[in-house]
Amino acid sequence: MQEKKSALEQHIAVFGESGSGKTVLVSSFYGAAQEASFLKQSLYRVVADDIGQGSRLNRNYLGMRDEGMTPDVTRFAATSYAFSIKLKDPPNPKAVKAQPFHALRLVWHDYPGDWFEQGVSGEEEAQRRVDTFRSLLGSDVALLLVDGQRLLDHAGEEERYLKSLFSNFSNGLVSLKDELLDDGTPLVQFPRIWIMALSKADLFPDMDAFKFRDLLDLKAADDLNELRKVLAGFVQDPSAMSVAEDFLLLSSAKFEPEKIEVSKRVGLDLLLPVAAILPLERHAKWARLQQLPAKVGESIINGGAKLLAAALLGKTKPGPLGIILALISPDVVDEAAQLAGDKLRAVNEEAIAKQNYVTATLTRFQLDLDKGEEDEILLRSLK
């Protein structure tokens, strides 16, 4: 970020087997944000940085909404989607100048599940697999999708599917390790929050985040522990890491024969808050407990997170970005991470009244996370 009006960038990595719903998920996320009803009431717009990608995603969404057709399954297709979350312009010029940045940017990395399910076909594909994984190393959050359809297909013996899923994932990571670690040195930049997400959650109308957690604990505790060990081997100071401690239910739509109800979504409105706010909360907690490695803390707390926290609290002032960051107290990250309840709602209401749409949007994200937990769609780690 070189100037005050730069976009703050967040990265999220999405992992799942072929057919687990990754393409449907990102299509529904983007397409729903293009609906007139969303644009009328939202404080922001979701714009695809690549116009062609945006058109394809919206076409996928419209095919589901209007024709009951799901997108074609992609195989060995590694795709990164960049979305600009452009905030509504306040009519008051003073409010415009007071905004510390004009947009958030979400980079969504879609990693092919095929590369965890079967071997690569040659050196070129092997290098492409490594390069693709390197591209997502800057992500703070990773979603590992548990395919609801495959879980349903294994009703009564869910452990067979889950063992295969987590074992393939662990083994795939081990096969990448030597290529990713220079001289075996653990990485500073690596996803440190790994959320277990149930895709196609509409197939389980009685499921909530607690039941999903309990199912994984009952049927796959040893396999998840092995995955934690494998992931810990990639990073410097793995004490600042959450693997399978956060749980999320996701459904892109309600699927019925010859009909797809795209308005009946679950969890998709939490993806932006999860990418933007959850790392801020978790990093602040780790820093408070002195678990955050110094290099990681320096790059996170003193950079974008510091500005994000100040914006969430409505504490930023007009001026060059470097001066703004220098004037913001380091304690602002911890203060923002602990903003909750009545105080959070009050900050949100004041920001809307003052047309400070940056703070209004960020506090709305925080409220959405709280609502997600209240509705038992999301379960956040207590650590």
Protein backbone atom coordinates (compact mmCIF):
# COMPACT_ATOMS: atom_id res chain seq x y z
CA MET A 1 0.00 0.00 0.00
CA GLN A 2 1.63 3.22 -1.16
CA GLU A 3 -1.09 5.78 -0.63
CA LYS A 4 -4.07 6.50 1.52
CA LYS A 5 -6.71 5.30 -0.93
CA SER A 6 -5.18 1.87 -1.61
CA ALA A 7 -7.30 -1.24 -1.13
CA LEU A 8 -6.61 -3.50 1.82
CA GLU A 9 -6.03 -7.01 0.51
CA GLN A 10 -7.06 -10.28 2.16
CA HIS A 11 -6.40 -13.77 0.80
CA ILE A 12 -8.41 -16.94 1.39
CA ALA A 13 -7.47 -20.43 0.14
CA VAL A 14 -10.20 -22.96 -0.60
CA PHE A 15 -9.37 -26.68 -0.68
CA GLY A 16 -11.70 -29.51 -1.56
CA GLU A 17 -11.91 -32.66 -3.63
CA SER A 18 -13.15 -32.56 -7.22
CA GLY A 19 -16.92 -32.23 -7.06
CA SER A 20 -16.99 -30.85 -3.52
CA GLY A 21 -18.65 -27.62 -4.69
CA LYS A 22 -15.80 -25.11 -4.99
CA THR A 23 -16.90 -23.70 -8.36
CA VAL A 24 -20.55 -23.55 -7.30
CA LEU A 25 -19.48 -21.82 -4.09
CA VAL A 26 -17.51 -19.01 -5.70
CA SER A 27 -20.16 -18.61 -8.43
CA SER A 28 -22.94 -18.26 -5.88
CA PHE A 29 -20.84 -15.88 -3.77
CA TYR A 30 -20.24 -13.58 -6.73
CA GLY A 31 -23.57 -13.96 -8.52
CA ALA A 32 -25.65 -13.22 -5.42
CA ALA A 33 -23.69 -9.98 -4.97
CA GLN A 34 -24.79 -8.86 -8.45
CA GLU A 35 -28.51 -9.19 -7.66
CA ALA A 36 -30.46 -5.90 -7.65
CA SER A 37 -31.80 -6.65 -4.17
CA PHE A 38 -28.24 -6.90 -2.79
CA LEU A 39 -27.03 -3.76 -4.53
CA LYS A 40 -29.94 -1.69 -3.20
CA GLN A 41 -29.32 -2.45 0.48
CA SER A 42 -25.57 -3.08 0.63
CA LEU A 43 -22.89 -0.54 1.55
CA TYR A 44 -20.51 -2.13 -0.95
CA ARG A 45 -20.33 -3.79 -4.35
CA VAL A 46 -18.37 -6.92 -5.23
CA VAL A 47 -16.53 -6.38 -8.52
CA ALA A 48 -14.40 -9.03 -10.25
CA ASP A 49 -11.01 -7.56 -11.18
CA ASP A 50 -11.00 -9.84 -14.25
CA ILE A 51 -14.13 -8.99 -16.26
CA GLY A 52 -14.07 -12.34 -18.04
CA GLN A 53 -13.95 -14.24 -14.76
CA GLY A 54 -16.80 -12.18 -13.41
CA SER A 55 -18.93 -12.90 -16.48
CA ARG A 56 -18.30 -16.63 -16.20
CA LEU A 57 -19.12 -16.71 -12.51
CA ASN A 58 -22.32 -14.72 -13.02
CA ARG A 59 -23.27 -16.98 -15.94
CA ASN A 60 -22.80 -20.00 -13.66
CA TYR A 61 -25.02 -18.35 -11.06
CA LEU A 62 -27.72 -17.42 -13.57
CA GLY A 63 -27.65 -20.94 -14.97
CA MET A 64 -28.44 -22.25 -11.51
CA ARG A 65 -31.05 -19.58 -10.77
CA ASP A 66 -32.91 -19.56 -14.08
CA GLU A 67 -32.26 -22.96 -15.66
CA GLY A 68 -31.58 -25.28 -12.72
CA MET A 69 -28.14 -26.15 -14.13
CA THR A 70 -24.99 -26.55 -12.04
CA PRO A 71 -21.61 -25.44 -13.45
CA ASP A 72 -19.41 -28.06 -15.08
CA VAL A 73 -16.96 -29.76 -12.74
CA THR A 74 -13.43 -28.47 -13.30
CA ARG A 75 -10.50 -30.85 -13.06
CA PHE A 76 -6.86 -29.88 -12.45
CA ALA A 77 -7.90 -26.23 -12.80
CA ALA A 78 -6.10 -23.94 -10.37
CA THR A 79 -7.77 -20.56 -10.32
CA SER A 80 -7.34 -17.39 -8.30
CA TYR A 81 -10.20 -14.92 -8.28
CA ALA A 82 -9.63 -11.31 -7.26
CA PHE A 83 -12.65 -9.34 -6.08
CA SER A 84 -12.66 -5.66 -5.18
CA ILE A 85 -15.11 -4.82 -2.43
CA LYS A 86 -15.86 -1.25 -3.47
CA LEU A 87 -17.40 0.77 -0.69
CA LYS A 88 -20.32 3.07 -1.29
CA ASP A 89 -19.26 6.70 -1.74
CA PRO A 90 -20.57 9.02 1.00
CA PRO A 91 -22.41 12.06 -0.40
CA ASN A 92 -20.52 14.23 2.09
CA PRO A 93 -17.05 15.21 0.67
CA LYS A 94 -15.60 15.38 4.20
CA ALA A 95 -16.70 11.80 4.82
CA VAL A 96 -15.03 10.73 1.58
CA LYS A 97 -11.71 12.28 2.64
CA ALA A 98 -11.91 10.67 6.06
CA GLN A 99 -12.09 7.15 4.64
CA PRO A 100 -8.64 5.52 5.06
CA PHE A 101 -9.08 3.31 1.98
CA HIS A 102 -11.66 3.03 -0.77
CA ALA A 103 -11.93 -0.73 -1.09
CA LEU A 104 -11.11 -4.12 0.32
CA ARG A 105 -9.71 -6.70 -2.04
CA LEU A 106 -10.42 -10.40 -1.61
CA VAL A 107 -8.17 -12.87 -3.44
CA TRP A 108 -9.81 -16.30 -3.52
CA HIS A 109 -7.41 -19.17 -4.31
CA ASP A 110 -9.12 -22.32 -5.55
CA TYR A 111 -6.73 -25.28 -5.22
CA PRO A 112 -7.59 -28.38 -7.32
CA GLY A 113 -8.61 -31.35 -5.22
CA ASP A 114 -7.37 -33.67 -7.96
CA TRP A 115 -3.80 -32.95 -6.87
CA PHE A 116 -4.54 -34.49 -3.48
CA GLU A 117 -6.51 -37.43 -4.87
CA GLN A 118 -4.08 -38.67 -7.52
CA GLY A 119 -0.52 -38.21 -8.67
CA VAL A 120 0.67 -35.66 -11.19
CA SER A 121 1.29 -36.67 -14.79
CA GLY A 122 4.81 -35.33 -15.20
CA GLU A 123 7.42 -32.76 -14.22
CA GLU A 124 5.53 -29.85 -15.78
CA GLU A 125 2.36 -30.58 -13.82
CA ALA A 126 4.38 -31.24 -10.66
CA GLN A 127 5.94 -27.78 -10.96
CA ARG A 128 2.53 -26.24 -11.65
CA ARG A 129 1.20 -27.85 -8.48
CA VAL A 130 4.05 -26.38 -6.42
CA ASP A 131 3.71 -22.94 -8.04
CA THR A 132 -0.04 -22.96 -7.38
CA PHE A 133 0.48 -23.78 -3.73
CA ARG A 134 3.13 -21.07 -3.41
CA SER A 135 0.62 -18.53 -4.73
CA LEU A 136 -1.64 -19.06 -1.73
CA LEU A 137 1.02 -19.02 0.99
CA GLY A 138 0.11 -15.44 1.88
CA SER A 139 -3.44 -16.45 2.82
CA ASP A 140 -4.33 -16.06 6.48
CA VAL A 141 -7.39 -18.29 6.19
CA ALA A 142 -7.83 -21.67 4.50
CA LEU A 143 -11.14 -23.49 4.08
CA LEU A 144 -11.00 -27.28 3.85
CA LEU A 145 -14.29 -28.49 2.40
CA VAL A 146 -15.97 -31.66 3.61
CA ASP A 147 -18.30 -32.71 0.77
CA GLY A 148 -21.83 -33.04 2.18
CA GLN A 149 -22.93 -35.37 -0.65
CA ARG A 150 -20.07 -37.80 -0.05
CA LEU A 151 -20.71 -37.62 3.68
CA LEU A 152 -24.35 -38.51 3.03
CA ASP A 153 -23.30 -41.34 0.71
CA HIS A 154 -21.30 -42.81 3.61
CA ALA A 155 -24.06 -42.46 6.23
CA GLY A 156 -23.29 -44.77 9.13
CA GLU A 157 -19.68 -45.18 8.05
CA GLU A 158 -18.62 -41.55 7.68
CA GLU A 159 -15.16 -42.42 8.99
CA ARG A 160 -14.34 -44.16 5.68
CA TYR A 161 -14.87 -40.98 3.67
CA LEU A 162 -13.31 -38.66 6.25
CA LYS A 163 -10.22 -40.84 6.66
CA SER A 164 -9.73 -40.84 2.89
CA LEU A 165 -10.24 -37.06 2.68
CA PHE A 166 -7.85 -36.08 5.46
CA SER A 167 -5.26 -38.75 4.64
CA ASN A 168 -5.10 -37.69 0.99
CA PHE A 169 -4.77 -34.09 2.07
CA SER A 170 -2.01 -34.84 4.59
CA ASN A 171 -0.10 -37.02 2.13
CA GLY A 172 -0.45 -34.40 -0.60
CA LEU A 173 1.03 -31.76 1.68
CA VAL A 174 3.92 -34.04 2.67
CA SER A 175 4.71 -34.57 -1.02
CA LEU A 176 4.99 -30.77 -1.48
CA LYS A 177 7.07 -30.08 1.60
CA ASP A 178 10.58 -30.44 0.17
CA GLU A 179 9.68 -28.21 -2.77
CA LEU A 180 8.16 -25.50 -0.58
CA LEU A 181 10.73 -25.33 2.23
CA ASP A 182 14.16 -23.97 1.30
CA ASP A 183 16.71 -26.18 3.06
CA GLY A 184 13.92 -27.39 5.31
CA THR A 185 13.42 -23.95 6.87
CA PRO A 186 9.81 -23.50 8.12
CA LEU A 187 7.79 -20.74 6.54
CA VAL A 188 6.78 -17.42 8.11
CA GLN A 189 4.01 -16.81 5.59
CA PHE A 190 1.60 -19.73 5.57
CA PRO A 191 -2.14 -20.07 6.23
CA ARG A 192 -2.46 -20.25 10.03
CA ILE A 193 -6.26 -20.54 10.34
CA TRP A 194 -7.66 -23.74 8.80
CA ILE A 195 -11.45 -23.84 8.95
CA MET A 196 -13.37 -27.08 8.48
CA ALA A 197 -16.33 -26.25 6.22
CA LEU A 198 -19.24 -28.53 5.37
CA SER A 199 -20.19 -27.86 1.74
CA LYS A 200 -23.67 -28.74 0.46
CA ALA A 201 -24.93 -28.28 4.04
CA ASP A 202 -28.50 -28.10 2.68
CA LEU A 203 -28.38 -31.92 2.54
CA PHE A 204 -28.29 -31.92 6.36
CA PRO A 205 -31.22 -29.73 7.53
CA ASP A 206 -30.64 -30.67 11.19
CA MET A 207 -26.88 -30.06 11.13
CA ASP A 208 -25.32 -27.12 12.96
CA ALA A 209 -21.69 -26.12 13.53
CA PHE A 210 -21.55 -27.92 16.89
CA LYS A 211 -22.89 -31.17 15.43
CA PHE A 212 -20.45 -30.88 12.54
CA ARG A 213 -17.54 -30.44 14.98
CA ASP A 214 -18.73 -33.41 17.02
CA LEU A 215 -19.07 -35.58 13.92
CA LEU A 216 -15.47 -34.85 12.93
CA ASP A 217 -14.25 -35.49 16.47
CA LEU A 218 -16.14 -38.77 16.66
CA LYS A 219 -15.28 -40.10 13.23
CA ALA A 220 -11.93 -38.53 12.33
CA ALA A 221 -10.10 -37.27 15.44
CA ASP A 222 -6.88 -39.21 14.74
CA ASP A 223 -6.82 -38.16 11.09
CA LEU A 224 -7.29 -34.50 12.02
CA ASN A 225 -4.50 -34.75 14.58
CA GLU A 226 -2.21 -36.11 11.86
CA LEU A 227 -3.20 -33.21 9.61
CA ARG A 228 -2.36 -30.76 12.41
CA LYS A 229 1.10 -32.33 12.76
CA VAL A 230 1.72 -32.13 9.02
CA LEU A 231 0.67 -28.48 8.80
CA ALA A 232 2.70 -27.60 11.91
CA GLY A 233 5.78 -28.88 10.10
CA PHE A 234 5.46 -26.12 7.51
CA VAL A 235 5.50 -23.05 9.78
CA GLN A 236 7.69 -21.16 12.16
CA ASP A 237 6.19 -21.31 15.65
CA PRO A 238 3.11 -23.51 15.07
CA SER A 239 1.71 -22.46 18.46
CA ALA A 240 0.22 -19.52 16.52
CA MET A 241 -1.98 -21.77 14.42
CA SER A 242 -5.60 -22.97 14.43
CA VAL A 243 -6.28 -26.20 12.55
CA ALA A 244 -9.76 -27.72 12.72
CA GLU A 245 -10.72 -25.43 15.60
CA ASP A 246 -13.20 -23.34 13.57
CA PHE A 247 -16.21 -24.85 11.82
CA LEU A 248 -18.52 -23.43 9.16
CA LEU A 249 -21.61 -24.66 7.31
CA LEU A 250 -21.83 -23.68 3.64
CA SER A 251 -24.56 -24.15 1.08
CA SER A 252 -24.56 -22.31 -2.24
CA ALA A 253 -28.28 -23.00 -2.79
CA LYS A 254 -31.03 -25.51 -2.08
CA PHE A 255 -30.82 -28.15 -4.79
CA GLU A 256 -33.94 -30.00 -5.90
CA PRO A 257 -34.75 -32.04 -9.04
CA GLU A 258 -34.81 -29.59 -11.99
CA LYS A 259 -34.78 -26.62 -9.59
CA ILE A 260 -32.08 -24.72 -7.72
CA GLU A 261 -33.18 -22.12 -5.18
CA VAL A 262 -30.19 -19.78 -5.06
CA SER A 263 -31.88 -17.53 -2.50
CA LYS A 264 -31.61 -20.32 0.10
CA ARG A 265 -27.92 -20.00 0.87
CA VAL A 266 -26.09 -20.83 4.07
CA GLY A 267 -22.85 -19.27 5.26
CA LEU A 268 -21.86 -17.45 2.06
CA ASP A 269 -22.45 -14.04 3.67
CA LEU A 270 -19.80 -15.01 6.24
CA LEU A 271 -16.98 -15.53 3.75
CA LEU A 272 -16.01 -11.85 3.53
CA PRO A 273 -16.14 -11.36 7.32
CA VAL A 274 -14.14 -14.58 7.81
CA ALA A 275 -11.45 -13.37 5.41
CA ALA A 276 -11.33 -9.78 6.72
CA ILE A 277 -12.08 -9.94 10.45
CA LEU A 278 -11.30 -13.45 11.73
CA PRO A 279 -7.51 -13.11 11.15
CA LEU A 280 -7.55 -9.77 12.97
CA GLU A 281 -9.24 -11.38 15.98
CA ARG A 282 -6.97 -14.41 16.00
CA HIS A 283 -3.69 -12.56 15.47
CA ALA A 284 -4.53 -10.11 18.24
CA LYS A 285 -5.26 -12.99 20.60
CA TRP A 286 -2.02 -14.75 19.73
CA ALA A 287 -0.08 -11.51 20.18
CA ARG A 288 -1.75 -10.98 23.56
CA LEU A 289 -0.73 -14.50 24.62
CA GLN A 290 2.76 -13.94 23.18
CA GLN A 291 2.29 -16.83 20.75
CA LEU A 292 2.68 -14.83 17.55
CA PRO A 293 6.18 -15.13 16.03
CA ALA A 294 8.04 -11.81 15.91
CA LYS A 295 8.42 -11.81 12.12
CA VAL A 296 4.76 -12.62 11.62
CA GLY A 297 3.66 -10.04 14.16
CA GLU A 298 5.81 -7.37 12.54
CA SER A 299 4.37 -8.00 9.07
CA ILE A 300 0.76 -8.32 10.24
CA ILE A 301 0.23 -6.05 13.23
CA ASN A 302 2.28 -3.13 11.92
CA GLY A 303 0.83 -3.31 8.42
CA GLY A 304 -2.64 -3.79 7.05
CA ALA A 305 -4.12 -5.16 10.27
CA LYS A 306 -3.23 -1.97 12.11
CA LEU A 307 -5.05 0.16 9.55
CA LEU A 308 -7.95 -2.29 9.39
CA ALA A 309 -8.34 -2.19 13.17
CA ALA A 310 -8.27 1.61 13.28
CA ALA A 311 -10.82 1.76 10.47
CA LEU A 312 -13.07 -0.72 12.26
CA LEU A 313 -13.01 1.51 15.34
CA GLY A 314 -13.48 4.68 13.28
CA LYS A 315 -10.16 6.11 14.50
CA THR A 316 -8.47 7.01 11.22
CA LYS A 317 -7.97 10.56 9.97
CA PRO A 318 -7.25 11.95 6.50
CA GLY A 319 -3.61 11.96 5.48
CA PRO A 320 -0.85 9.97 3.71
CA LEU A 321 -0.90 6.29 4.56
CA GLY A 322 2.57 6.22 6.13
CA ILE A 323 1.67 9.04 8.53
CA ILE A 324 -1.65 7.41 9.37
CA LEU A 325 0.05 4.11 10.27
CA ALA A 326 2.72 5.88 12.33
CA LEU A 327 0.08 7.68 14.39
CA ILE A 328 -2.01 4.60 15.13
CA SER A 329 -1.25 3.00 18.49
CA PRO A 330 -0.17 -0.67 18.39
CA ASP A 331 -2.89 -1.35 20.97
CA VAL A 332 -5.58 -0.55 18.41
CA VAL A 333 -5.46 -4.11 16.99
CA ASP A 334 -6.24 -5.64 20.37
CA GLU A 335 -8.95 -3.06 21.04
CA ALA A 336 -10.62 -3.77 17.68
CA ALA A 337 -10.42 -7.53 18.15
CA GLN A 338 -12.29 -7.27 21.46
CA LEU A 339 -15.01 -4.95 20.16
CA ALA A 340 -18.31 -6.72 20.77
CA GLY A 341 -21.89 -6.49 21.97
CA ASP A 342 -23.52 -3.12 22.61
CA LYS A 343 -20.29 -1.20 21.96
CA LEU A 344 -19.90 -2.85 18.54
CA ARG A 345 -23.49 -2.01 17.61
CA ALA A 346 -23.02 1.57 18.79
CA VAL A 347 -19.89 2.02 16.64
CA ASN A 348 -21.76 0.59 13.66
CA GLU A 349 -24.76 2.91 14.15
CA GLU A 350 -22.56 5.97 14.60
CA ALA A 351 -20.57 5.12 11.46
CA ILE A 352 -23.76 4.82 9.39
CA ALA A 353 -25.05 8.13 10.77
CA LYS A 354 -21.76 9.83 9.86
CA GLN A 355 -21.65 8.10 6.44
CA ASN A 356 -18.31 6.51 7.33
CA TYR A 357 -18.94 3.46 5.18
CA VAL A 358 -15.54 1.87 5.86
CA THR A 359 -16.22 1.57 9.59
CA ALA A 360 -19.87 0.74 8.94
CA THR A 361 -18.92 -2.14 6.63
CA LEU A 362 -16.21 -3.56 8.89
CA THR A 363 -18.38 -3.42 12.00
CA ARG A 364 -21.17 -5.03 9.95
CA PHE A 365 -18.76 -7.85 9.15
CA GLN A 366 -18.04 -8.25 12.88
CA LEU A 367 -21.75 -8.32 13.65
CA ASP A 368 -22.25 -10.91 10.91
CA LEU A 369 -19.68 -13.20 12.53
CA ASP A 370 -21.46 -12.85 15.86
CA LYS A 371 -24.80 -13.59 14.18
CA GLY A 372 -23.29 -16.61 12.45
CA GLU A 373 -22.31 -18.03 15.83
CA GLU A 374 -25.71 -17.19 17.29
CA ASP A 375 -27.36 -19.08 14.41
CA GLU A 376 -24.86 -21.96 14.91
CA ILE A 377 -23.65 -21.74 11.32
CA LEU A 378 -20.19 -20.76 12.54
CA LEU A 379 -18.19 -22.00 15.51
CA ARG A 380 -15.06 -20.02 16.30
CA SER A 381 -12.09 -21.35 18.23
CA LEU A 382 -11.86 -20.37 21.88
CA LYS A 383 -8.05 -20.47 21.74
